[in-house]
């Protein structure tokens, strides 16, 4: 029994390293497809939300389209503004406001 426990402890770092590598490879592949950088997309997104601060950002495929997605907070508001920027053209494709409850529910939903 001790031998099995020891093997599991040794394998955990290997498994985690593989997972981290796979995630990085996926992100690198997506970034290679993007026509604009994260910094460029962030500048475009922040232009839509005066006095906003980016809380999270993500490069993802949504409905077959590669997008930079930014969750932006503004002073004196609990709402988050989500701005989606087309990662190839730089076009703003969606601006939506989310309440803290909607934001929480979105984070709890499994990713596709």
C-alpha atoms as a PDB file:
ATOM      1  CA  UNK A   1       0.000   0.000   0.000  1.00  0.00           C
ATOM      2  CA  UNK A   2       2.832   2.410   0.836  1.00  0.00           C
ATOM      3  CA  UNK A   3       4.404   1.770  -2.546  1.00  0.00           C
ATOM      4  CA  UNK A   4       1.204   2.717  -4.390  1.00  0.00           C
ATOM      5  CA  UNK A   5       0.871   5.925  -2.352  1.00  0.00           C
ATOM      6  CA  UNK A   6       4.488   6.785  -3.125  1.00  0.00           C
ATOM      7  CA  UNK A   7       3.992   6.285  -6.856  1.00  0.00           C
ATOM      8  CA  UNK A   8       0.904   8.523  -6.859  1.00  0.00           C
ATOM      9  CA  UNK A   9       2.838  11.255  -5.076  1.00  0.00           C
ATOM     10  CA  UNK A  10       5.590  11.021  -7.689  1.00  0.00           C
ATOM     11  CA  UNK A  11       3.166  11.019 -10.600  1.00  0.00           C
ATOM     12  CA  UNK A  12       1.184  14.098  -9.491  1.00  0.00           C
ATOM     13  CA  UNK A  13       3.858  16.637 -10.543  1.00  0.00           C
ATOM     14  CA  UNK A  14       4.215  14.879 -13.901  1.00  0.00           C
ATOM     15  CA  UNK A  15       0.468  14.969 -14.507  1.00  0.00           C
ATOM     16  CA  UNK A  16       0.239  18.625 -13.474  1.00  0.00           C
ATOM     17  CA  UNK A  17       3.168  19.564 -15.705  1.00  0.00           C
ATOM     18  CA  UNK A  18       1.535  17.828 -18.658  1.00  0.00           C
ATOM     19  CA  UNK A  19      -1.747  19.620 -18.016  1.00  0.00           C
ATOM     20  CA  UNK A  20      -0.004  22.989 -17.756  1.00  0.00           C
ATOM     21  CA  UNK A  21       1.907  22.276 -20.952  1.00  0.00           C
ATOM     22  CA  UNK A  22      -1.241  21.269 -22.798  1.00  0.00           C
ATOM     23  CA  UNK A  23      -2.975  24.468 -21.706  1.00  0.00           C
ATOM     24  CA  UNK A  24      -0.032  26.583 -22.826  1.00  0.00           C
ATOM     25  CA  UNK A  25       0.109  24.800 -26.181  1.00  0.00           C
ATOM     26  CA  UNK A  26      -3.593  25.451 -26.745  1.00  0.00           C
ATOM     27  CA  UNK A  27      -3.230  29.108 -25.844  1.00  0.00           C
ATOM     28  CA  UNK A  28      -0.130  29.452 -28.029  1.00  0.00           C
ATOM     29  CA  UNK A  29      -2.014  27.968 -30.984  1.00  0.00           C
ATOM     30  CA  UNK A  30      -4.881  30.412 -30.480  1.00  0.00           C
ATOM     31  CA  UNK A  31      -2.491  33.361 -30.193  1.00  0.00           C
ATOM     32  CA  UNK A  32      -0.822  32.307 -33.432  1.00  0.00           C
ATOM     33  CA  UNK A  33      -4.226  32.630 -35.134  1.00  0.00           C
ATOM     34  CA  UNK A  34      -4.961  36.074 -33.678  1.00  0.00           C
ATOM     35  CA  UNK A  35      -4.449  39.091 -35.909  1.00  0.00           C
ATOM     36  CA  UNK A  36      -4.186  41.502 -32.973  1.00  0.00           C
ATOM     37  CA  UNK A  37      -2.327  41.248 -29.689  1.00  0.00           C
ATOM     38  CA  UNK A  38      -3.891  41.115 -26.250  1.00  0.00           C
ATOM     39  CA  UNK A  39      -2.616  44.651 -25.598  1.00  0.00           C
ATOM     40  CA  UNK A  40      -4.256  45.964 -28.779  1.00  0.00           C
ATOM     41  CA  UNK A  41      -7.531  44.200 -27.975  1.00  0.00           C
ATOM     42  CA  UNK A  42      -7.459  45.514 -24.404  1.00  0.00           C
ATOM     43  CA  UNK A  43      -7.036  49.092 -25.651  1.00  0.00           C
ATOM     44  CA  UNK A  44     -10.026  48.617 -27.957  1.00  0.00           C
ATOM     45  CA  UNK A  45     -12.142  47.117 -25.142  1.00  0.00           C
ATOM     46  CA  UNK A  46     -11.261  49.833 -22.629  1.00  0.00           C
ATOM     47  CA  UNK A  47     -12.312  52.511 -25.131  1.00  0.00           C
ATOM     48  CA  UNK A  48     -15.860  51.132 -24.727  1.00  0.00           C
ATOM     49  CA  UNK A  49     -15.821  51.370 -20.918  1.00  0.00           C
ATOM     50  CA  UNK A  50     -14.664  54.792 -19.703  1.00  0.00           C
ATOM     51  CA  UNK A  51     -12.719  54.611 -16.416  1.00  0.00           C
ATOM     52  CA  UNK A  52     -12.780  50.818 -16.619  1.00  0.00           C
ATOM     53  CA  UNK A  53     -10.224  48.396 -15.256  1.00  0.00           C
ATOM     54  CA  UNK A  54      -9.678  44.963 -16.779  1.00  0.00           C
ATOM     55  CA  UNK A  55     -10.288  42.266 -14.168  1.00  0.00           C
ATOM     56  CA  UNK A  56      -9.903  39.195 -16.381  1.00  0.00           C
ATOM     57  CA  UNK A  57      -9.054  38.488 -19.984  1.00  0.00           C
ATOM     58  CA  UNK A  58      -9.161  35.402 -22.124  1.00  0.00           C
ATOM     59  CA  UNK A  59      -8.484  34.358 -25.689  1.00  0.00           C
ATOM     60  CA  UNK A  60     -11.124  31.837 -26.701  1.00  0.00           C
ATOM     61  CA  UNK A  61     -13.175  30.412 -29.513  1.00  0.00           C
ATOM     62  CA  UNK A  62     -16.824  31.304 -29.125  1.00  0.00           C
ATOM     63  CA  UNK A  63     -19.409  30.248 -31.678  1.00  0.00           C
ATOM     64  CA  UNK A  64     -16.587  29.416 -34.084  1.00  0.00           C
ATOM     65  CA  UNK A  65     -15.022  32.864 -33.779  1.00  0.00           C
ATOM     66  CA  UNK A  66     -11.690  33.662 -32.120  1.00  0.00           C
ATOM     67  CA  UNK A  67     -12.211  36.441 -29.578  1.00  0.00           C
ATOM     68  CA  UNK A  68     -10.472  38.323 -26.838  1.00  0.00           C
ATOM     69  CA  UNK A  69     -12.923  38.510 -23.929  1.00  0.00           C
ATOM     70  CA  UNK A  70     -12.451  41.139 -21.207  1.00  0.00           C
ATOM     71  CA  UNK A  71     -14.321  41.534 -17.931  1.00  0.00           C
ATOM     72  CA  UNK A  72     -14.085  45.213 -17.035  1.00  0.00           C
ATOM     73  CA  UNK A  73     -15.019  46.799 -13.708  1.00  0.00           C
ATOM     74  CA  UNK A  74     -15.936  50.456 -13.289  1.00  0.00           C
ATOM     75  CA  UNK A  75     -15.764  52.612 -10.171  1.00  0.00           C
ATOM     76  CA  UNK A  76     -18.971  52.938  -8.156  1.00  0.00           C
ATOM     77  CA  UNK A  77     -20.600  49.934  -9.869  1.00  0.00           C
ATOM     78  CA  UNK A  78     -20.872  46.284  -8.935  1.00  0.00           C
ATOM     79  CA  UNK A  79     -21.662  45.329 -12.513  1.00  0.00           C
ATOM     80  CA  UNK A  80     -19.013  43.939 -14.821  1.00  0.00           C
ATOM     81  CA  UNK A  81     -18.951  44.926 -18.468  1.00  0.00           C
ATOM     82  CA  UNK A  82     -17.872  42.098 -20.736  1.00  0.00           C
ATOM     83  CA  UNK A  83     -16.364  43.282 -24.000  1.00  0.00           C
ATOM     84  CA  UNK A  84     -15.618  40.778 -26.774  1.00  0.00           C
ATOM     85  CA  UNK A  85     -13.161  41.819 -29.463  1.00  0.00           C
ATOM     86  CA  UNK A  86     -12.660  39.821 -32.654  1.00  0.00           C
ATOM     87  CA  UNK A  87      -9.078  38.552 -32.338  1.00  0.00           C
ATOM     88  CA  UNK A  88      -8.475  38.721 -36.076  1.00  0.00           C
ATOM     89  CA  UNK A  89      -9.987  42.065 -37.062  1.00  0.00           C
ATOM     90  CA  UNK A  90     -10.116  44.045 -33.808  1.00  0.00           C
ATOM     91  CA  UNK A  91     -13.840  44.677 -34.234  1.00  0.00           C
ATOM     92  CA  UNK A  92     -15.905  44.907 -31.041  1.00  0.00           C
ATOM     93  CA  UNK A  93     -18.499  42.187 -31.447  1.00  0.00           C
ATOM     94  CA  UNK A  94     -20.305  42.355 -28.096  1.00  0.00           C
ATOM     95  CA  UNK A  95     -20.624  44.565 -25.036  1.00  0.00           C
ATOM     96  CA  UNK A  96     -22.751  43.199 -22.214  1.00  0.00           C
ATOM     97  CA  UNK A  97     -23.279  44.112 -18.566  1.00  0.00           C
ATOM     98  CA  UNK A  98     -23.350  41.382 -15.965  1.00  0.00           C
ATOM     99  CA  UNK A  99     -24.487  41.583 -12.367  1.00  0.00           C
ATOM    100  CA  UNK A 100     -22.306  39.911  -9.732  1.00  0.00           C
ATOM    101  CA  UNK A 101     -24.796  37.019  -9.663  1.00  0.00           C
ATOM    102  CA  UNK A 102     -24.608  36.537 -13.450  1.00  0.00           C
ATOM    103  CA  UNK A 103     -20.807  36.677 -13.294  1.00  0.00           C
ATOM    104  CA  UNK A 104     -20.761  34.016 -10.568  1.00  0.00           C
ATOM    105  CA  UNK A 105     -23.088  31.753 -12.568  1.00  0.00           C
ATOM    106  CA  UNK A 106     -20.943  32.157 -15.685  1.00  0.00           C
ATOM    107  CA  UNK A 107     -17.806  31.089 -13.820  1.00  0.00           C
ATOM    108  CA  UNK A 108     -19.580  28.021 -12.410  1.00  0.00           C
ATOM    109  CA  UNK A 109     -20.753  26.827 -15.824  1.00  0.00           C
ATOM    110  CA  UNK A 110     -18.560  24.148 -17.417  1.00  0.00           C
ATOM    111  CA  UNK A 111     -16.420  25.437 -20.299  1.00  0.00           C
ATOM    112  CA  UNK A 112     -17.100  24.049 -23.767  1.00  0.00           C
END
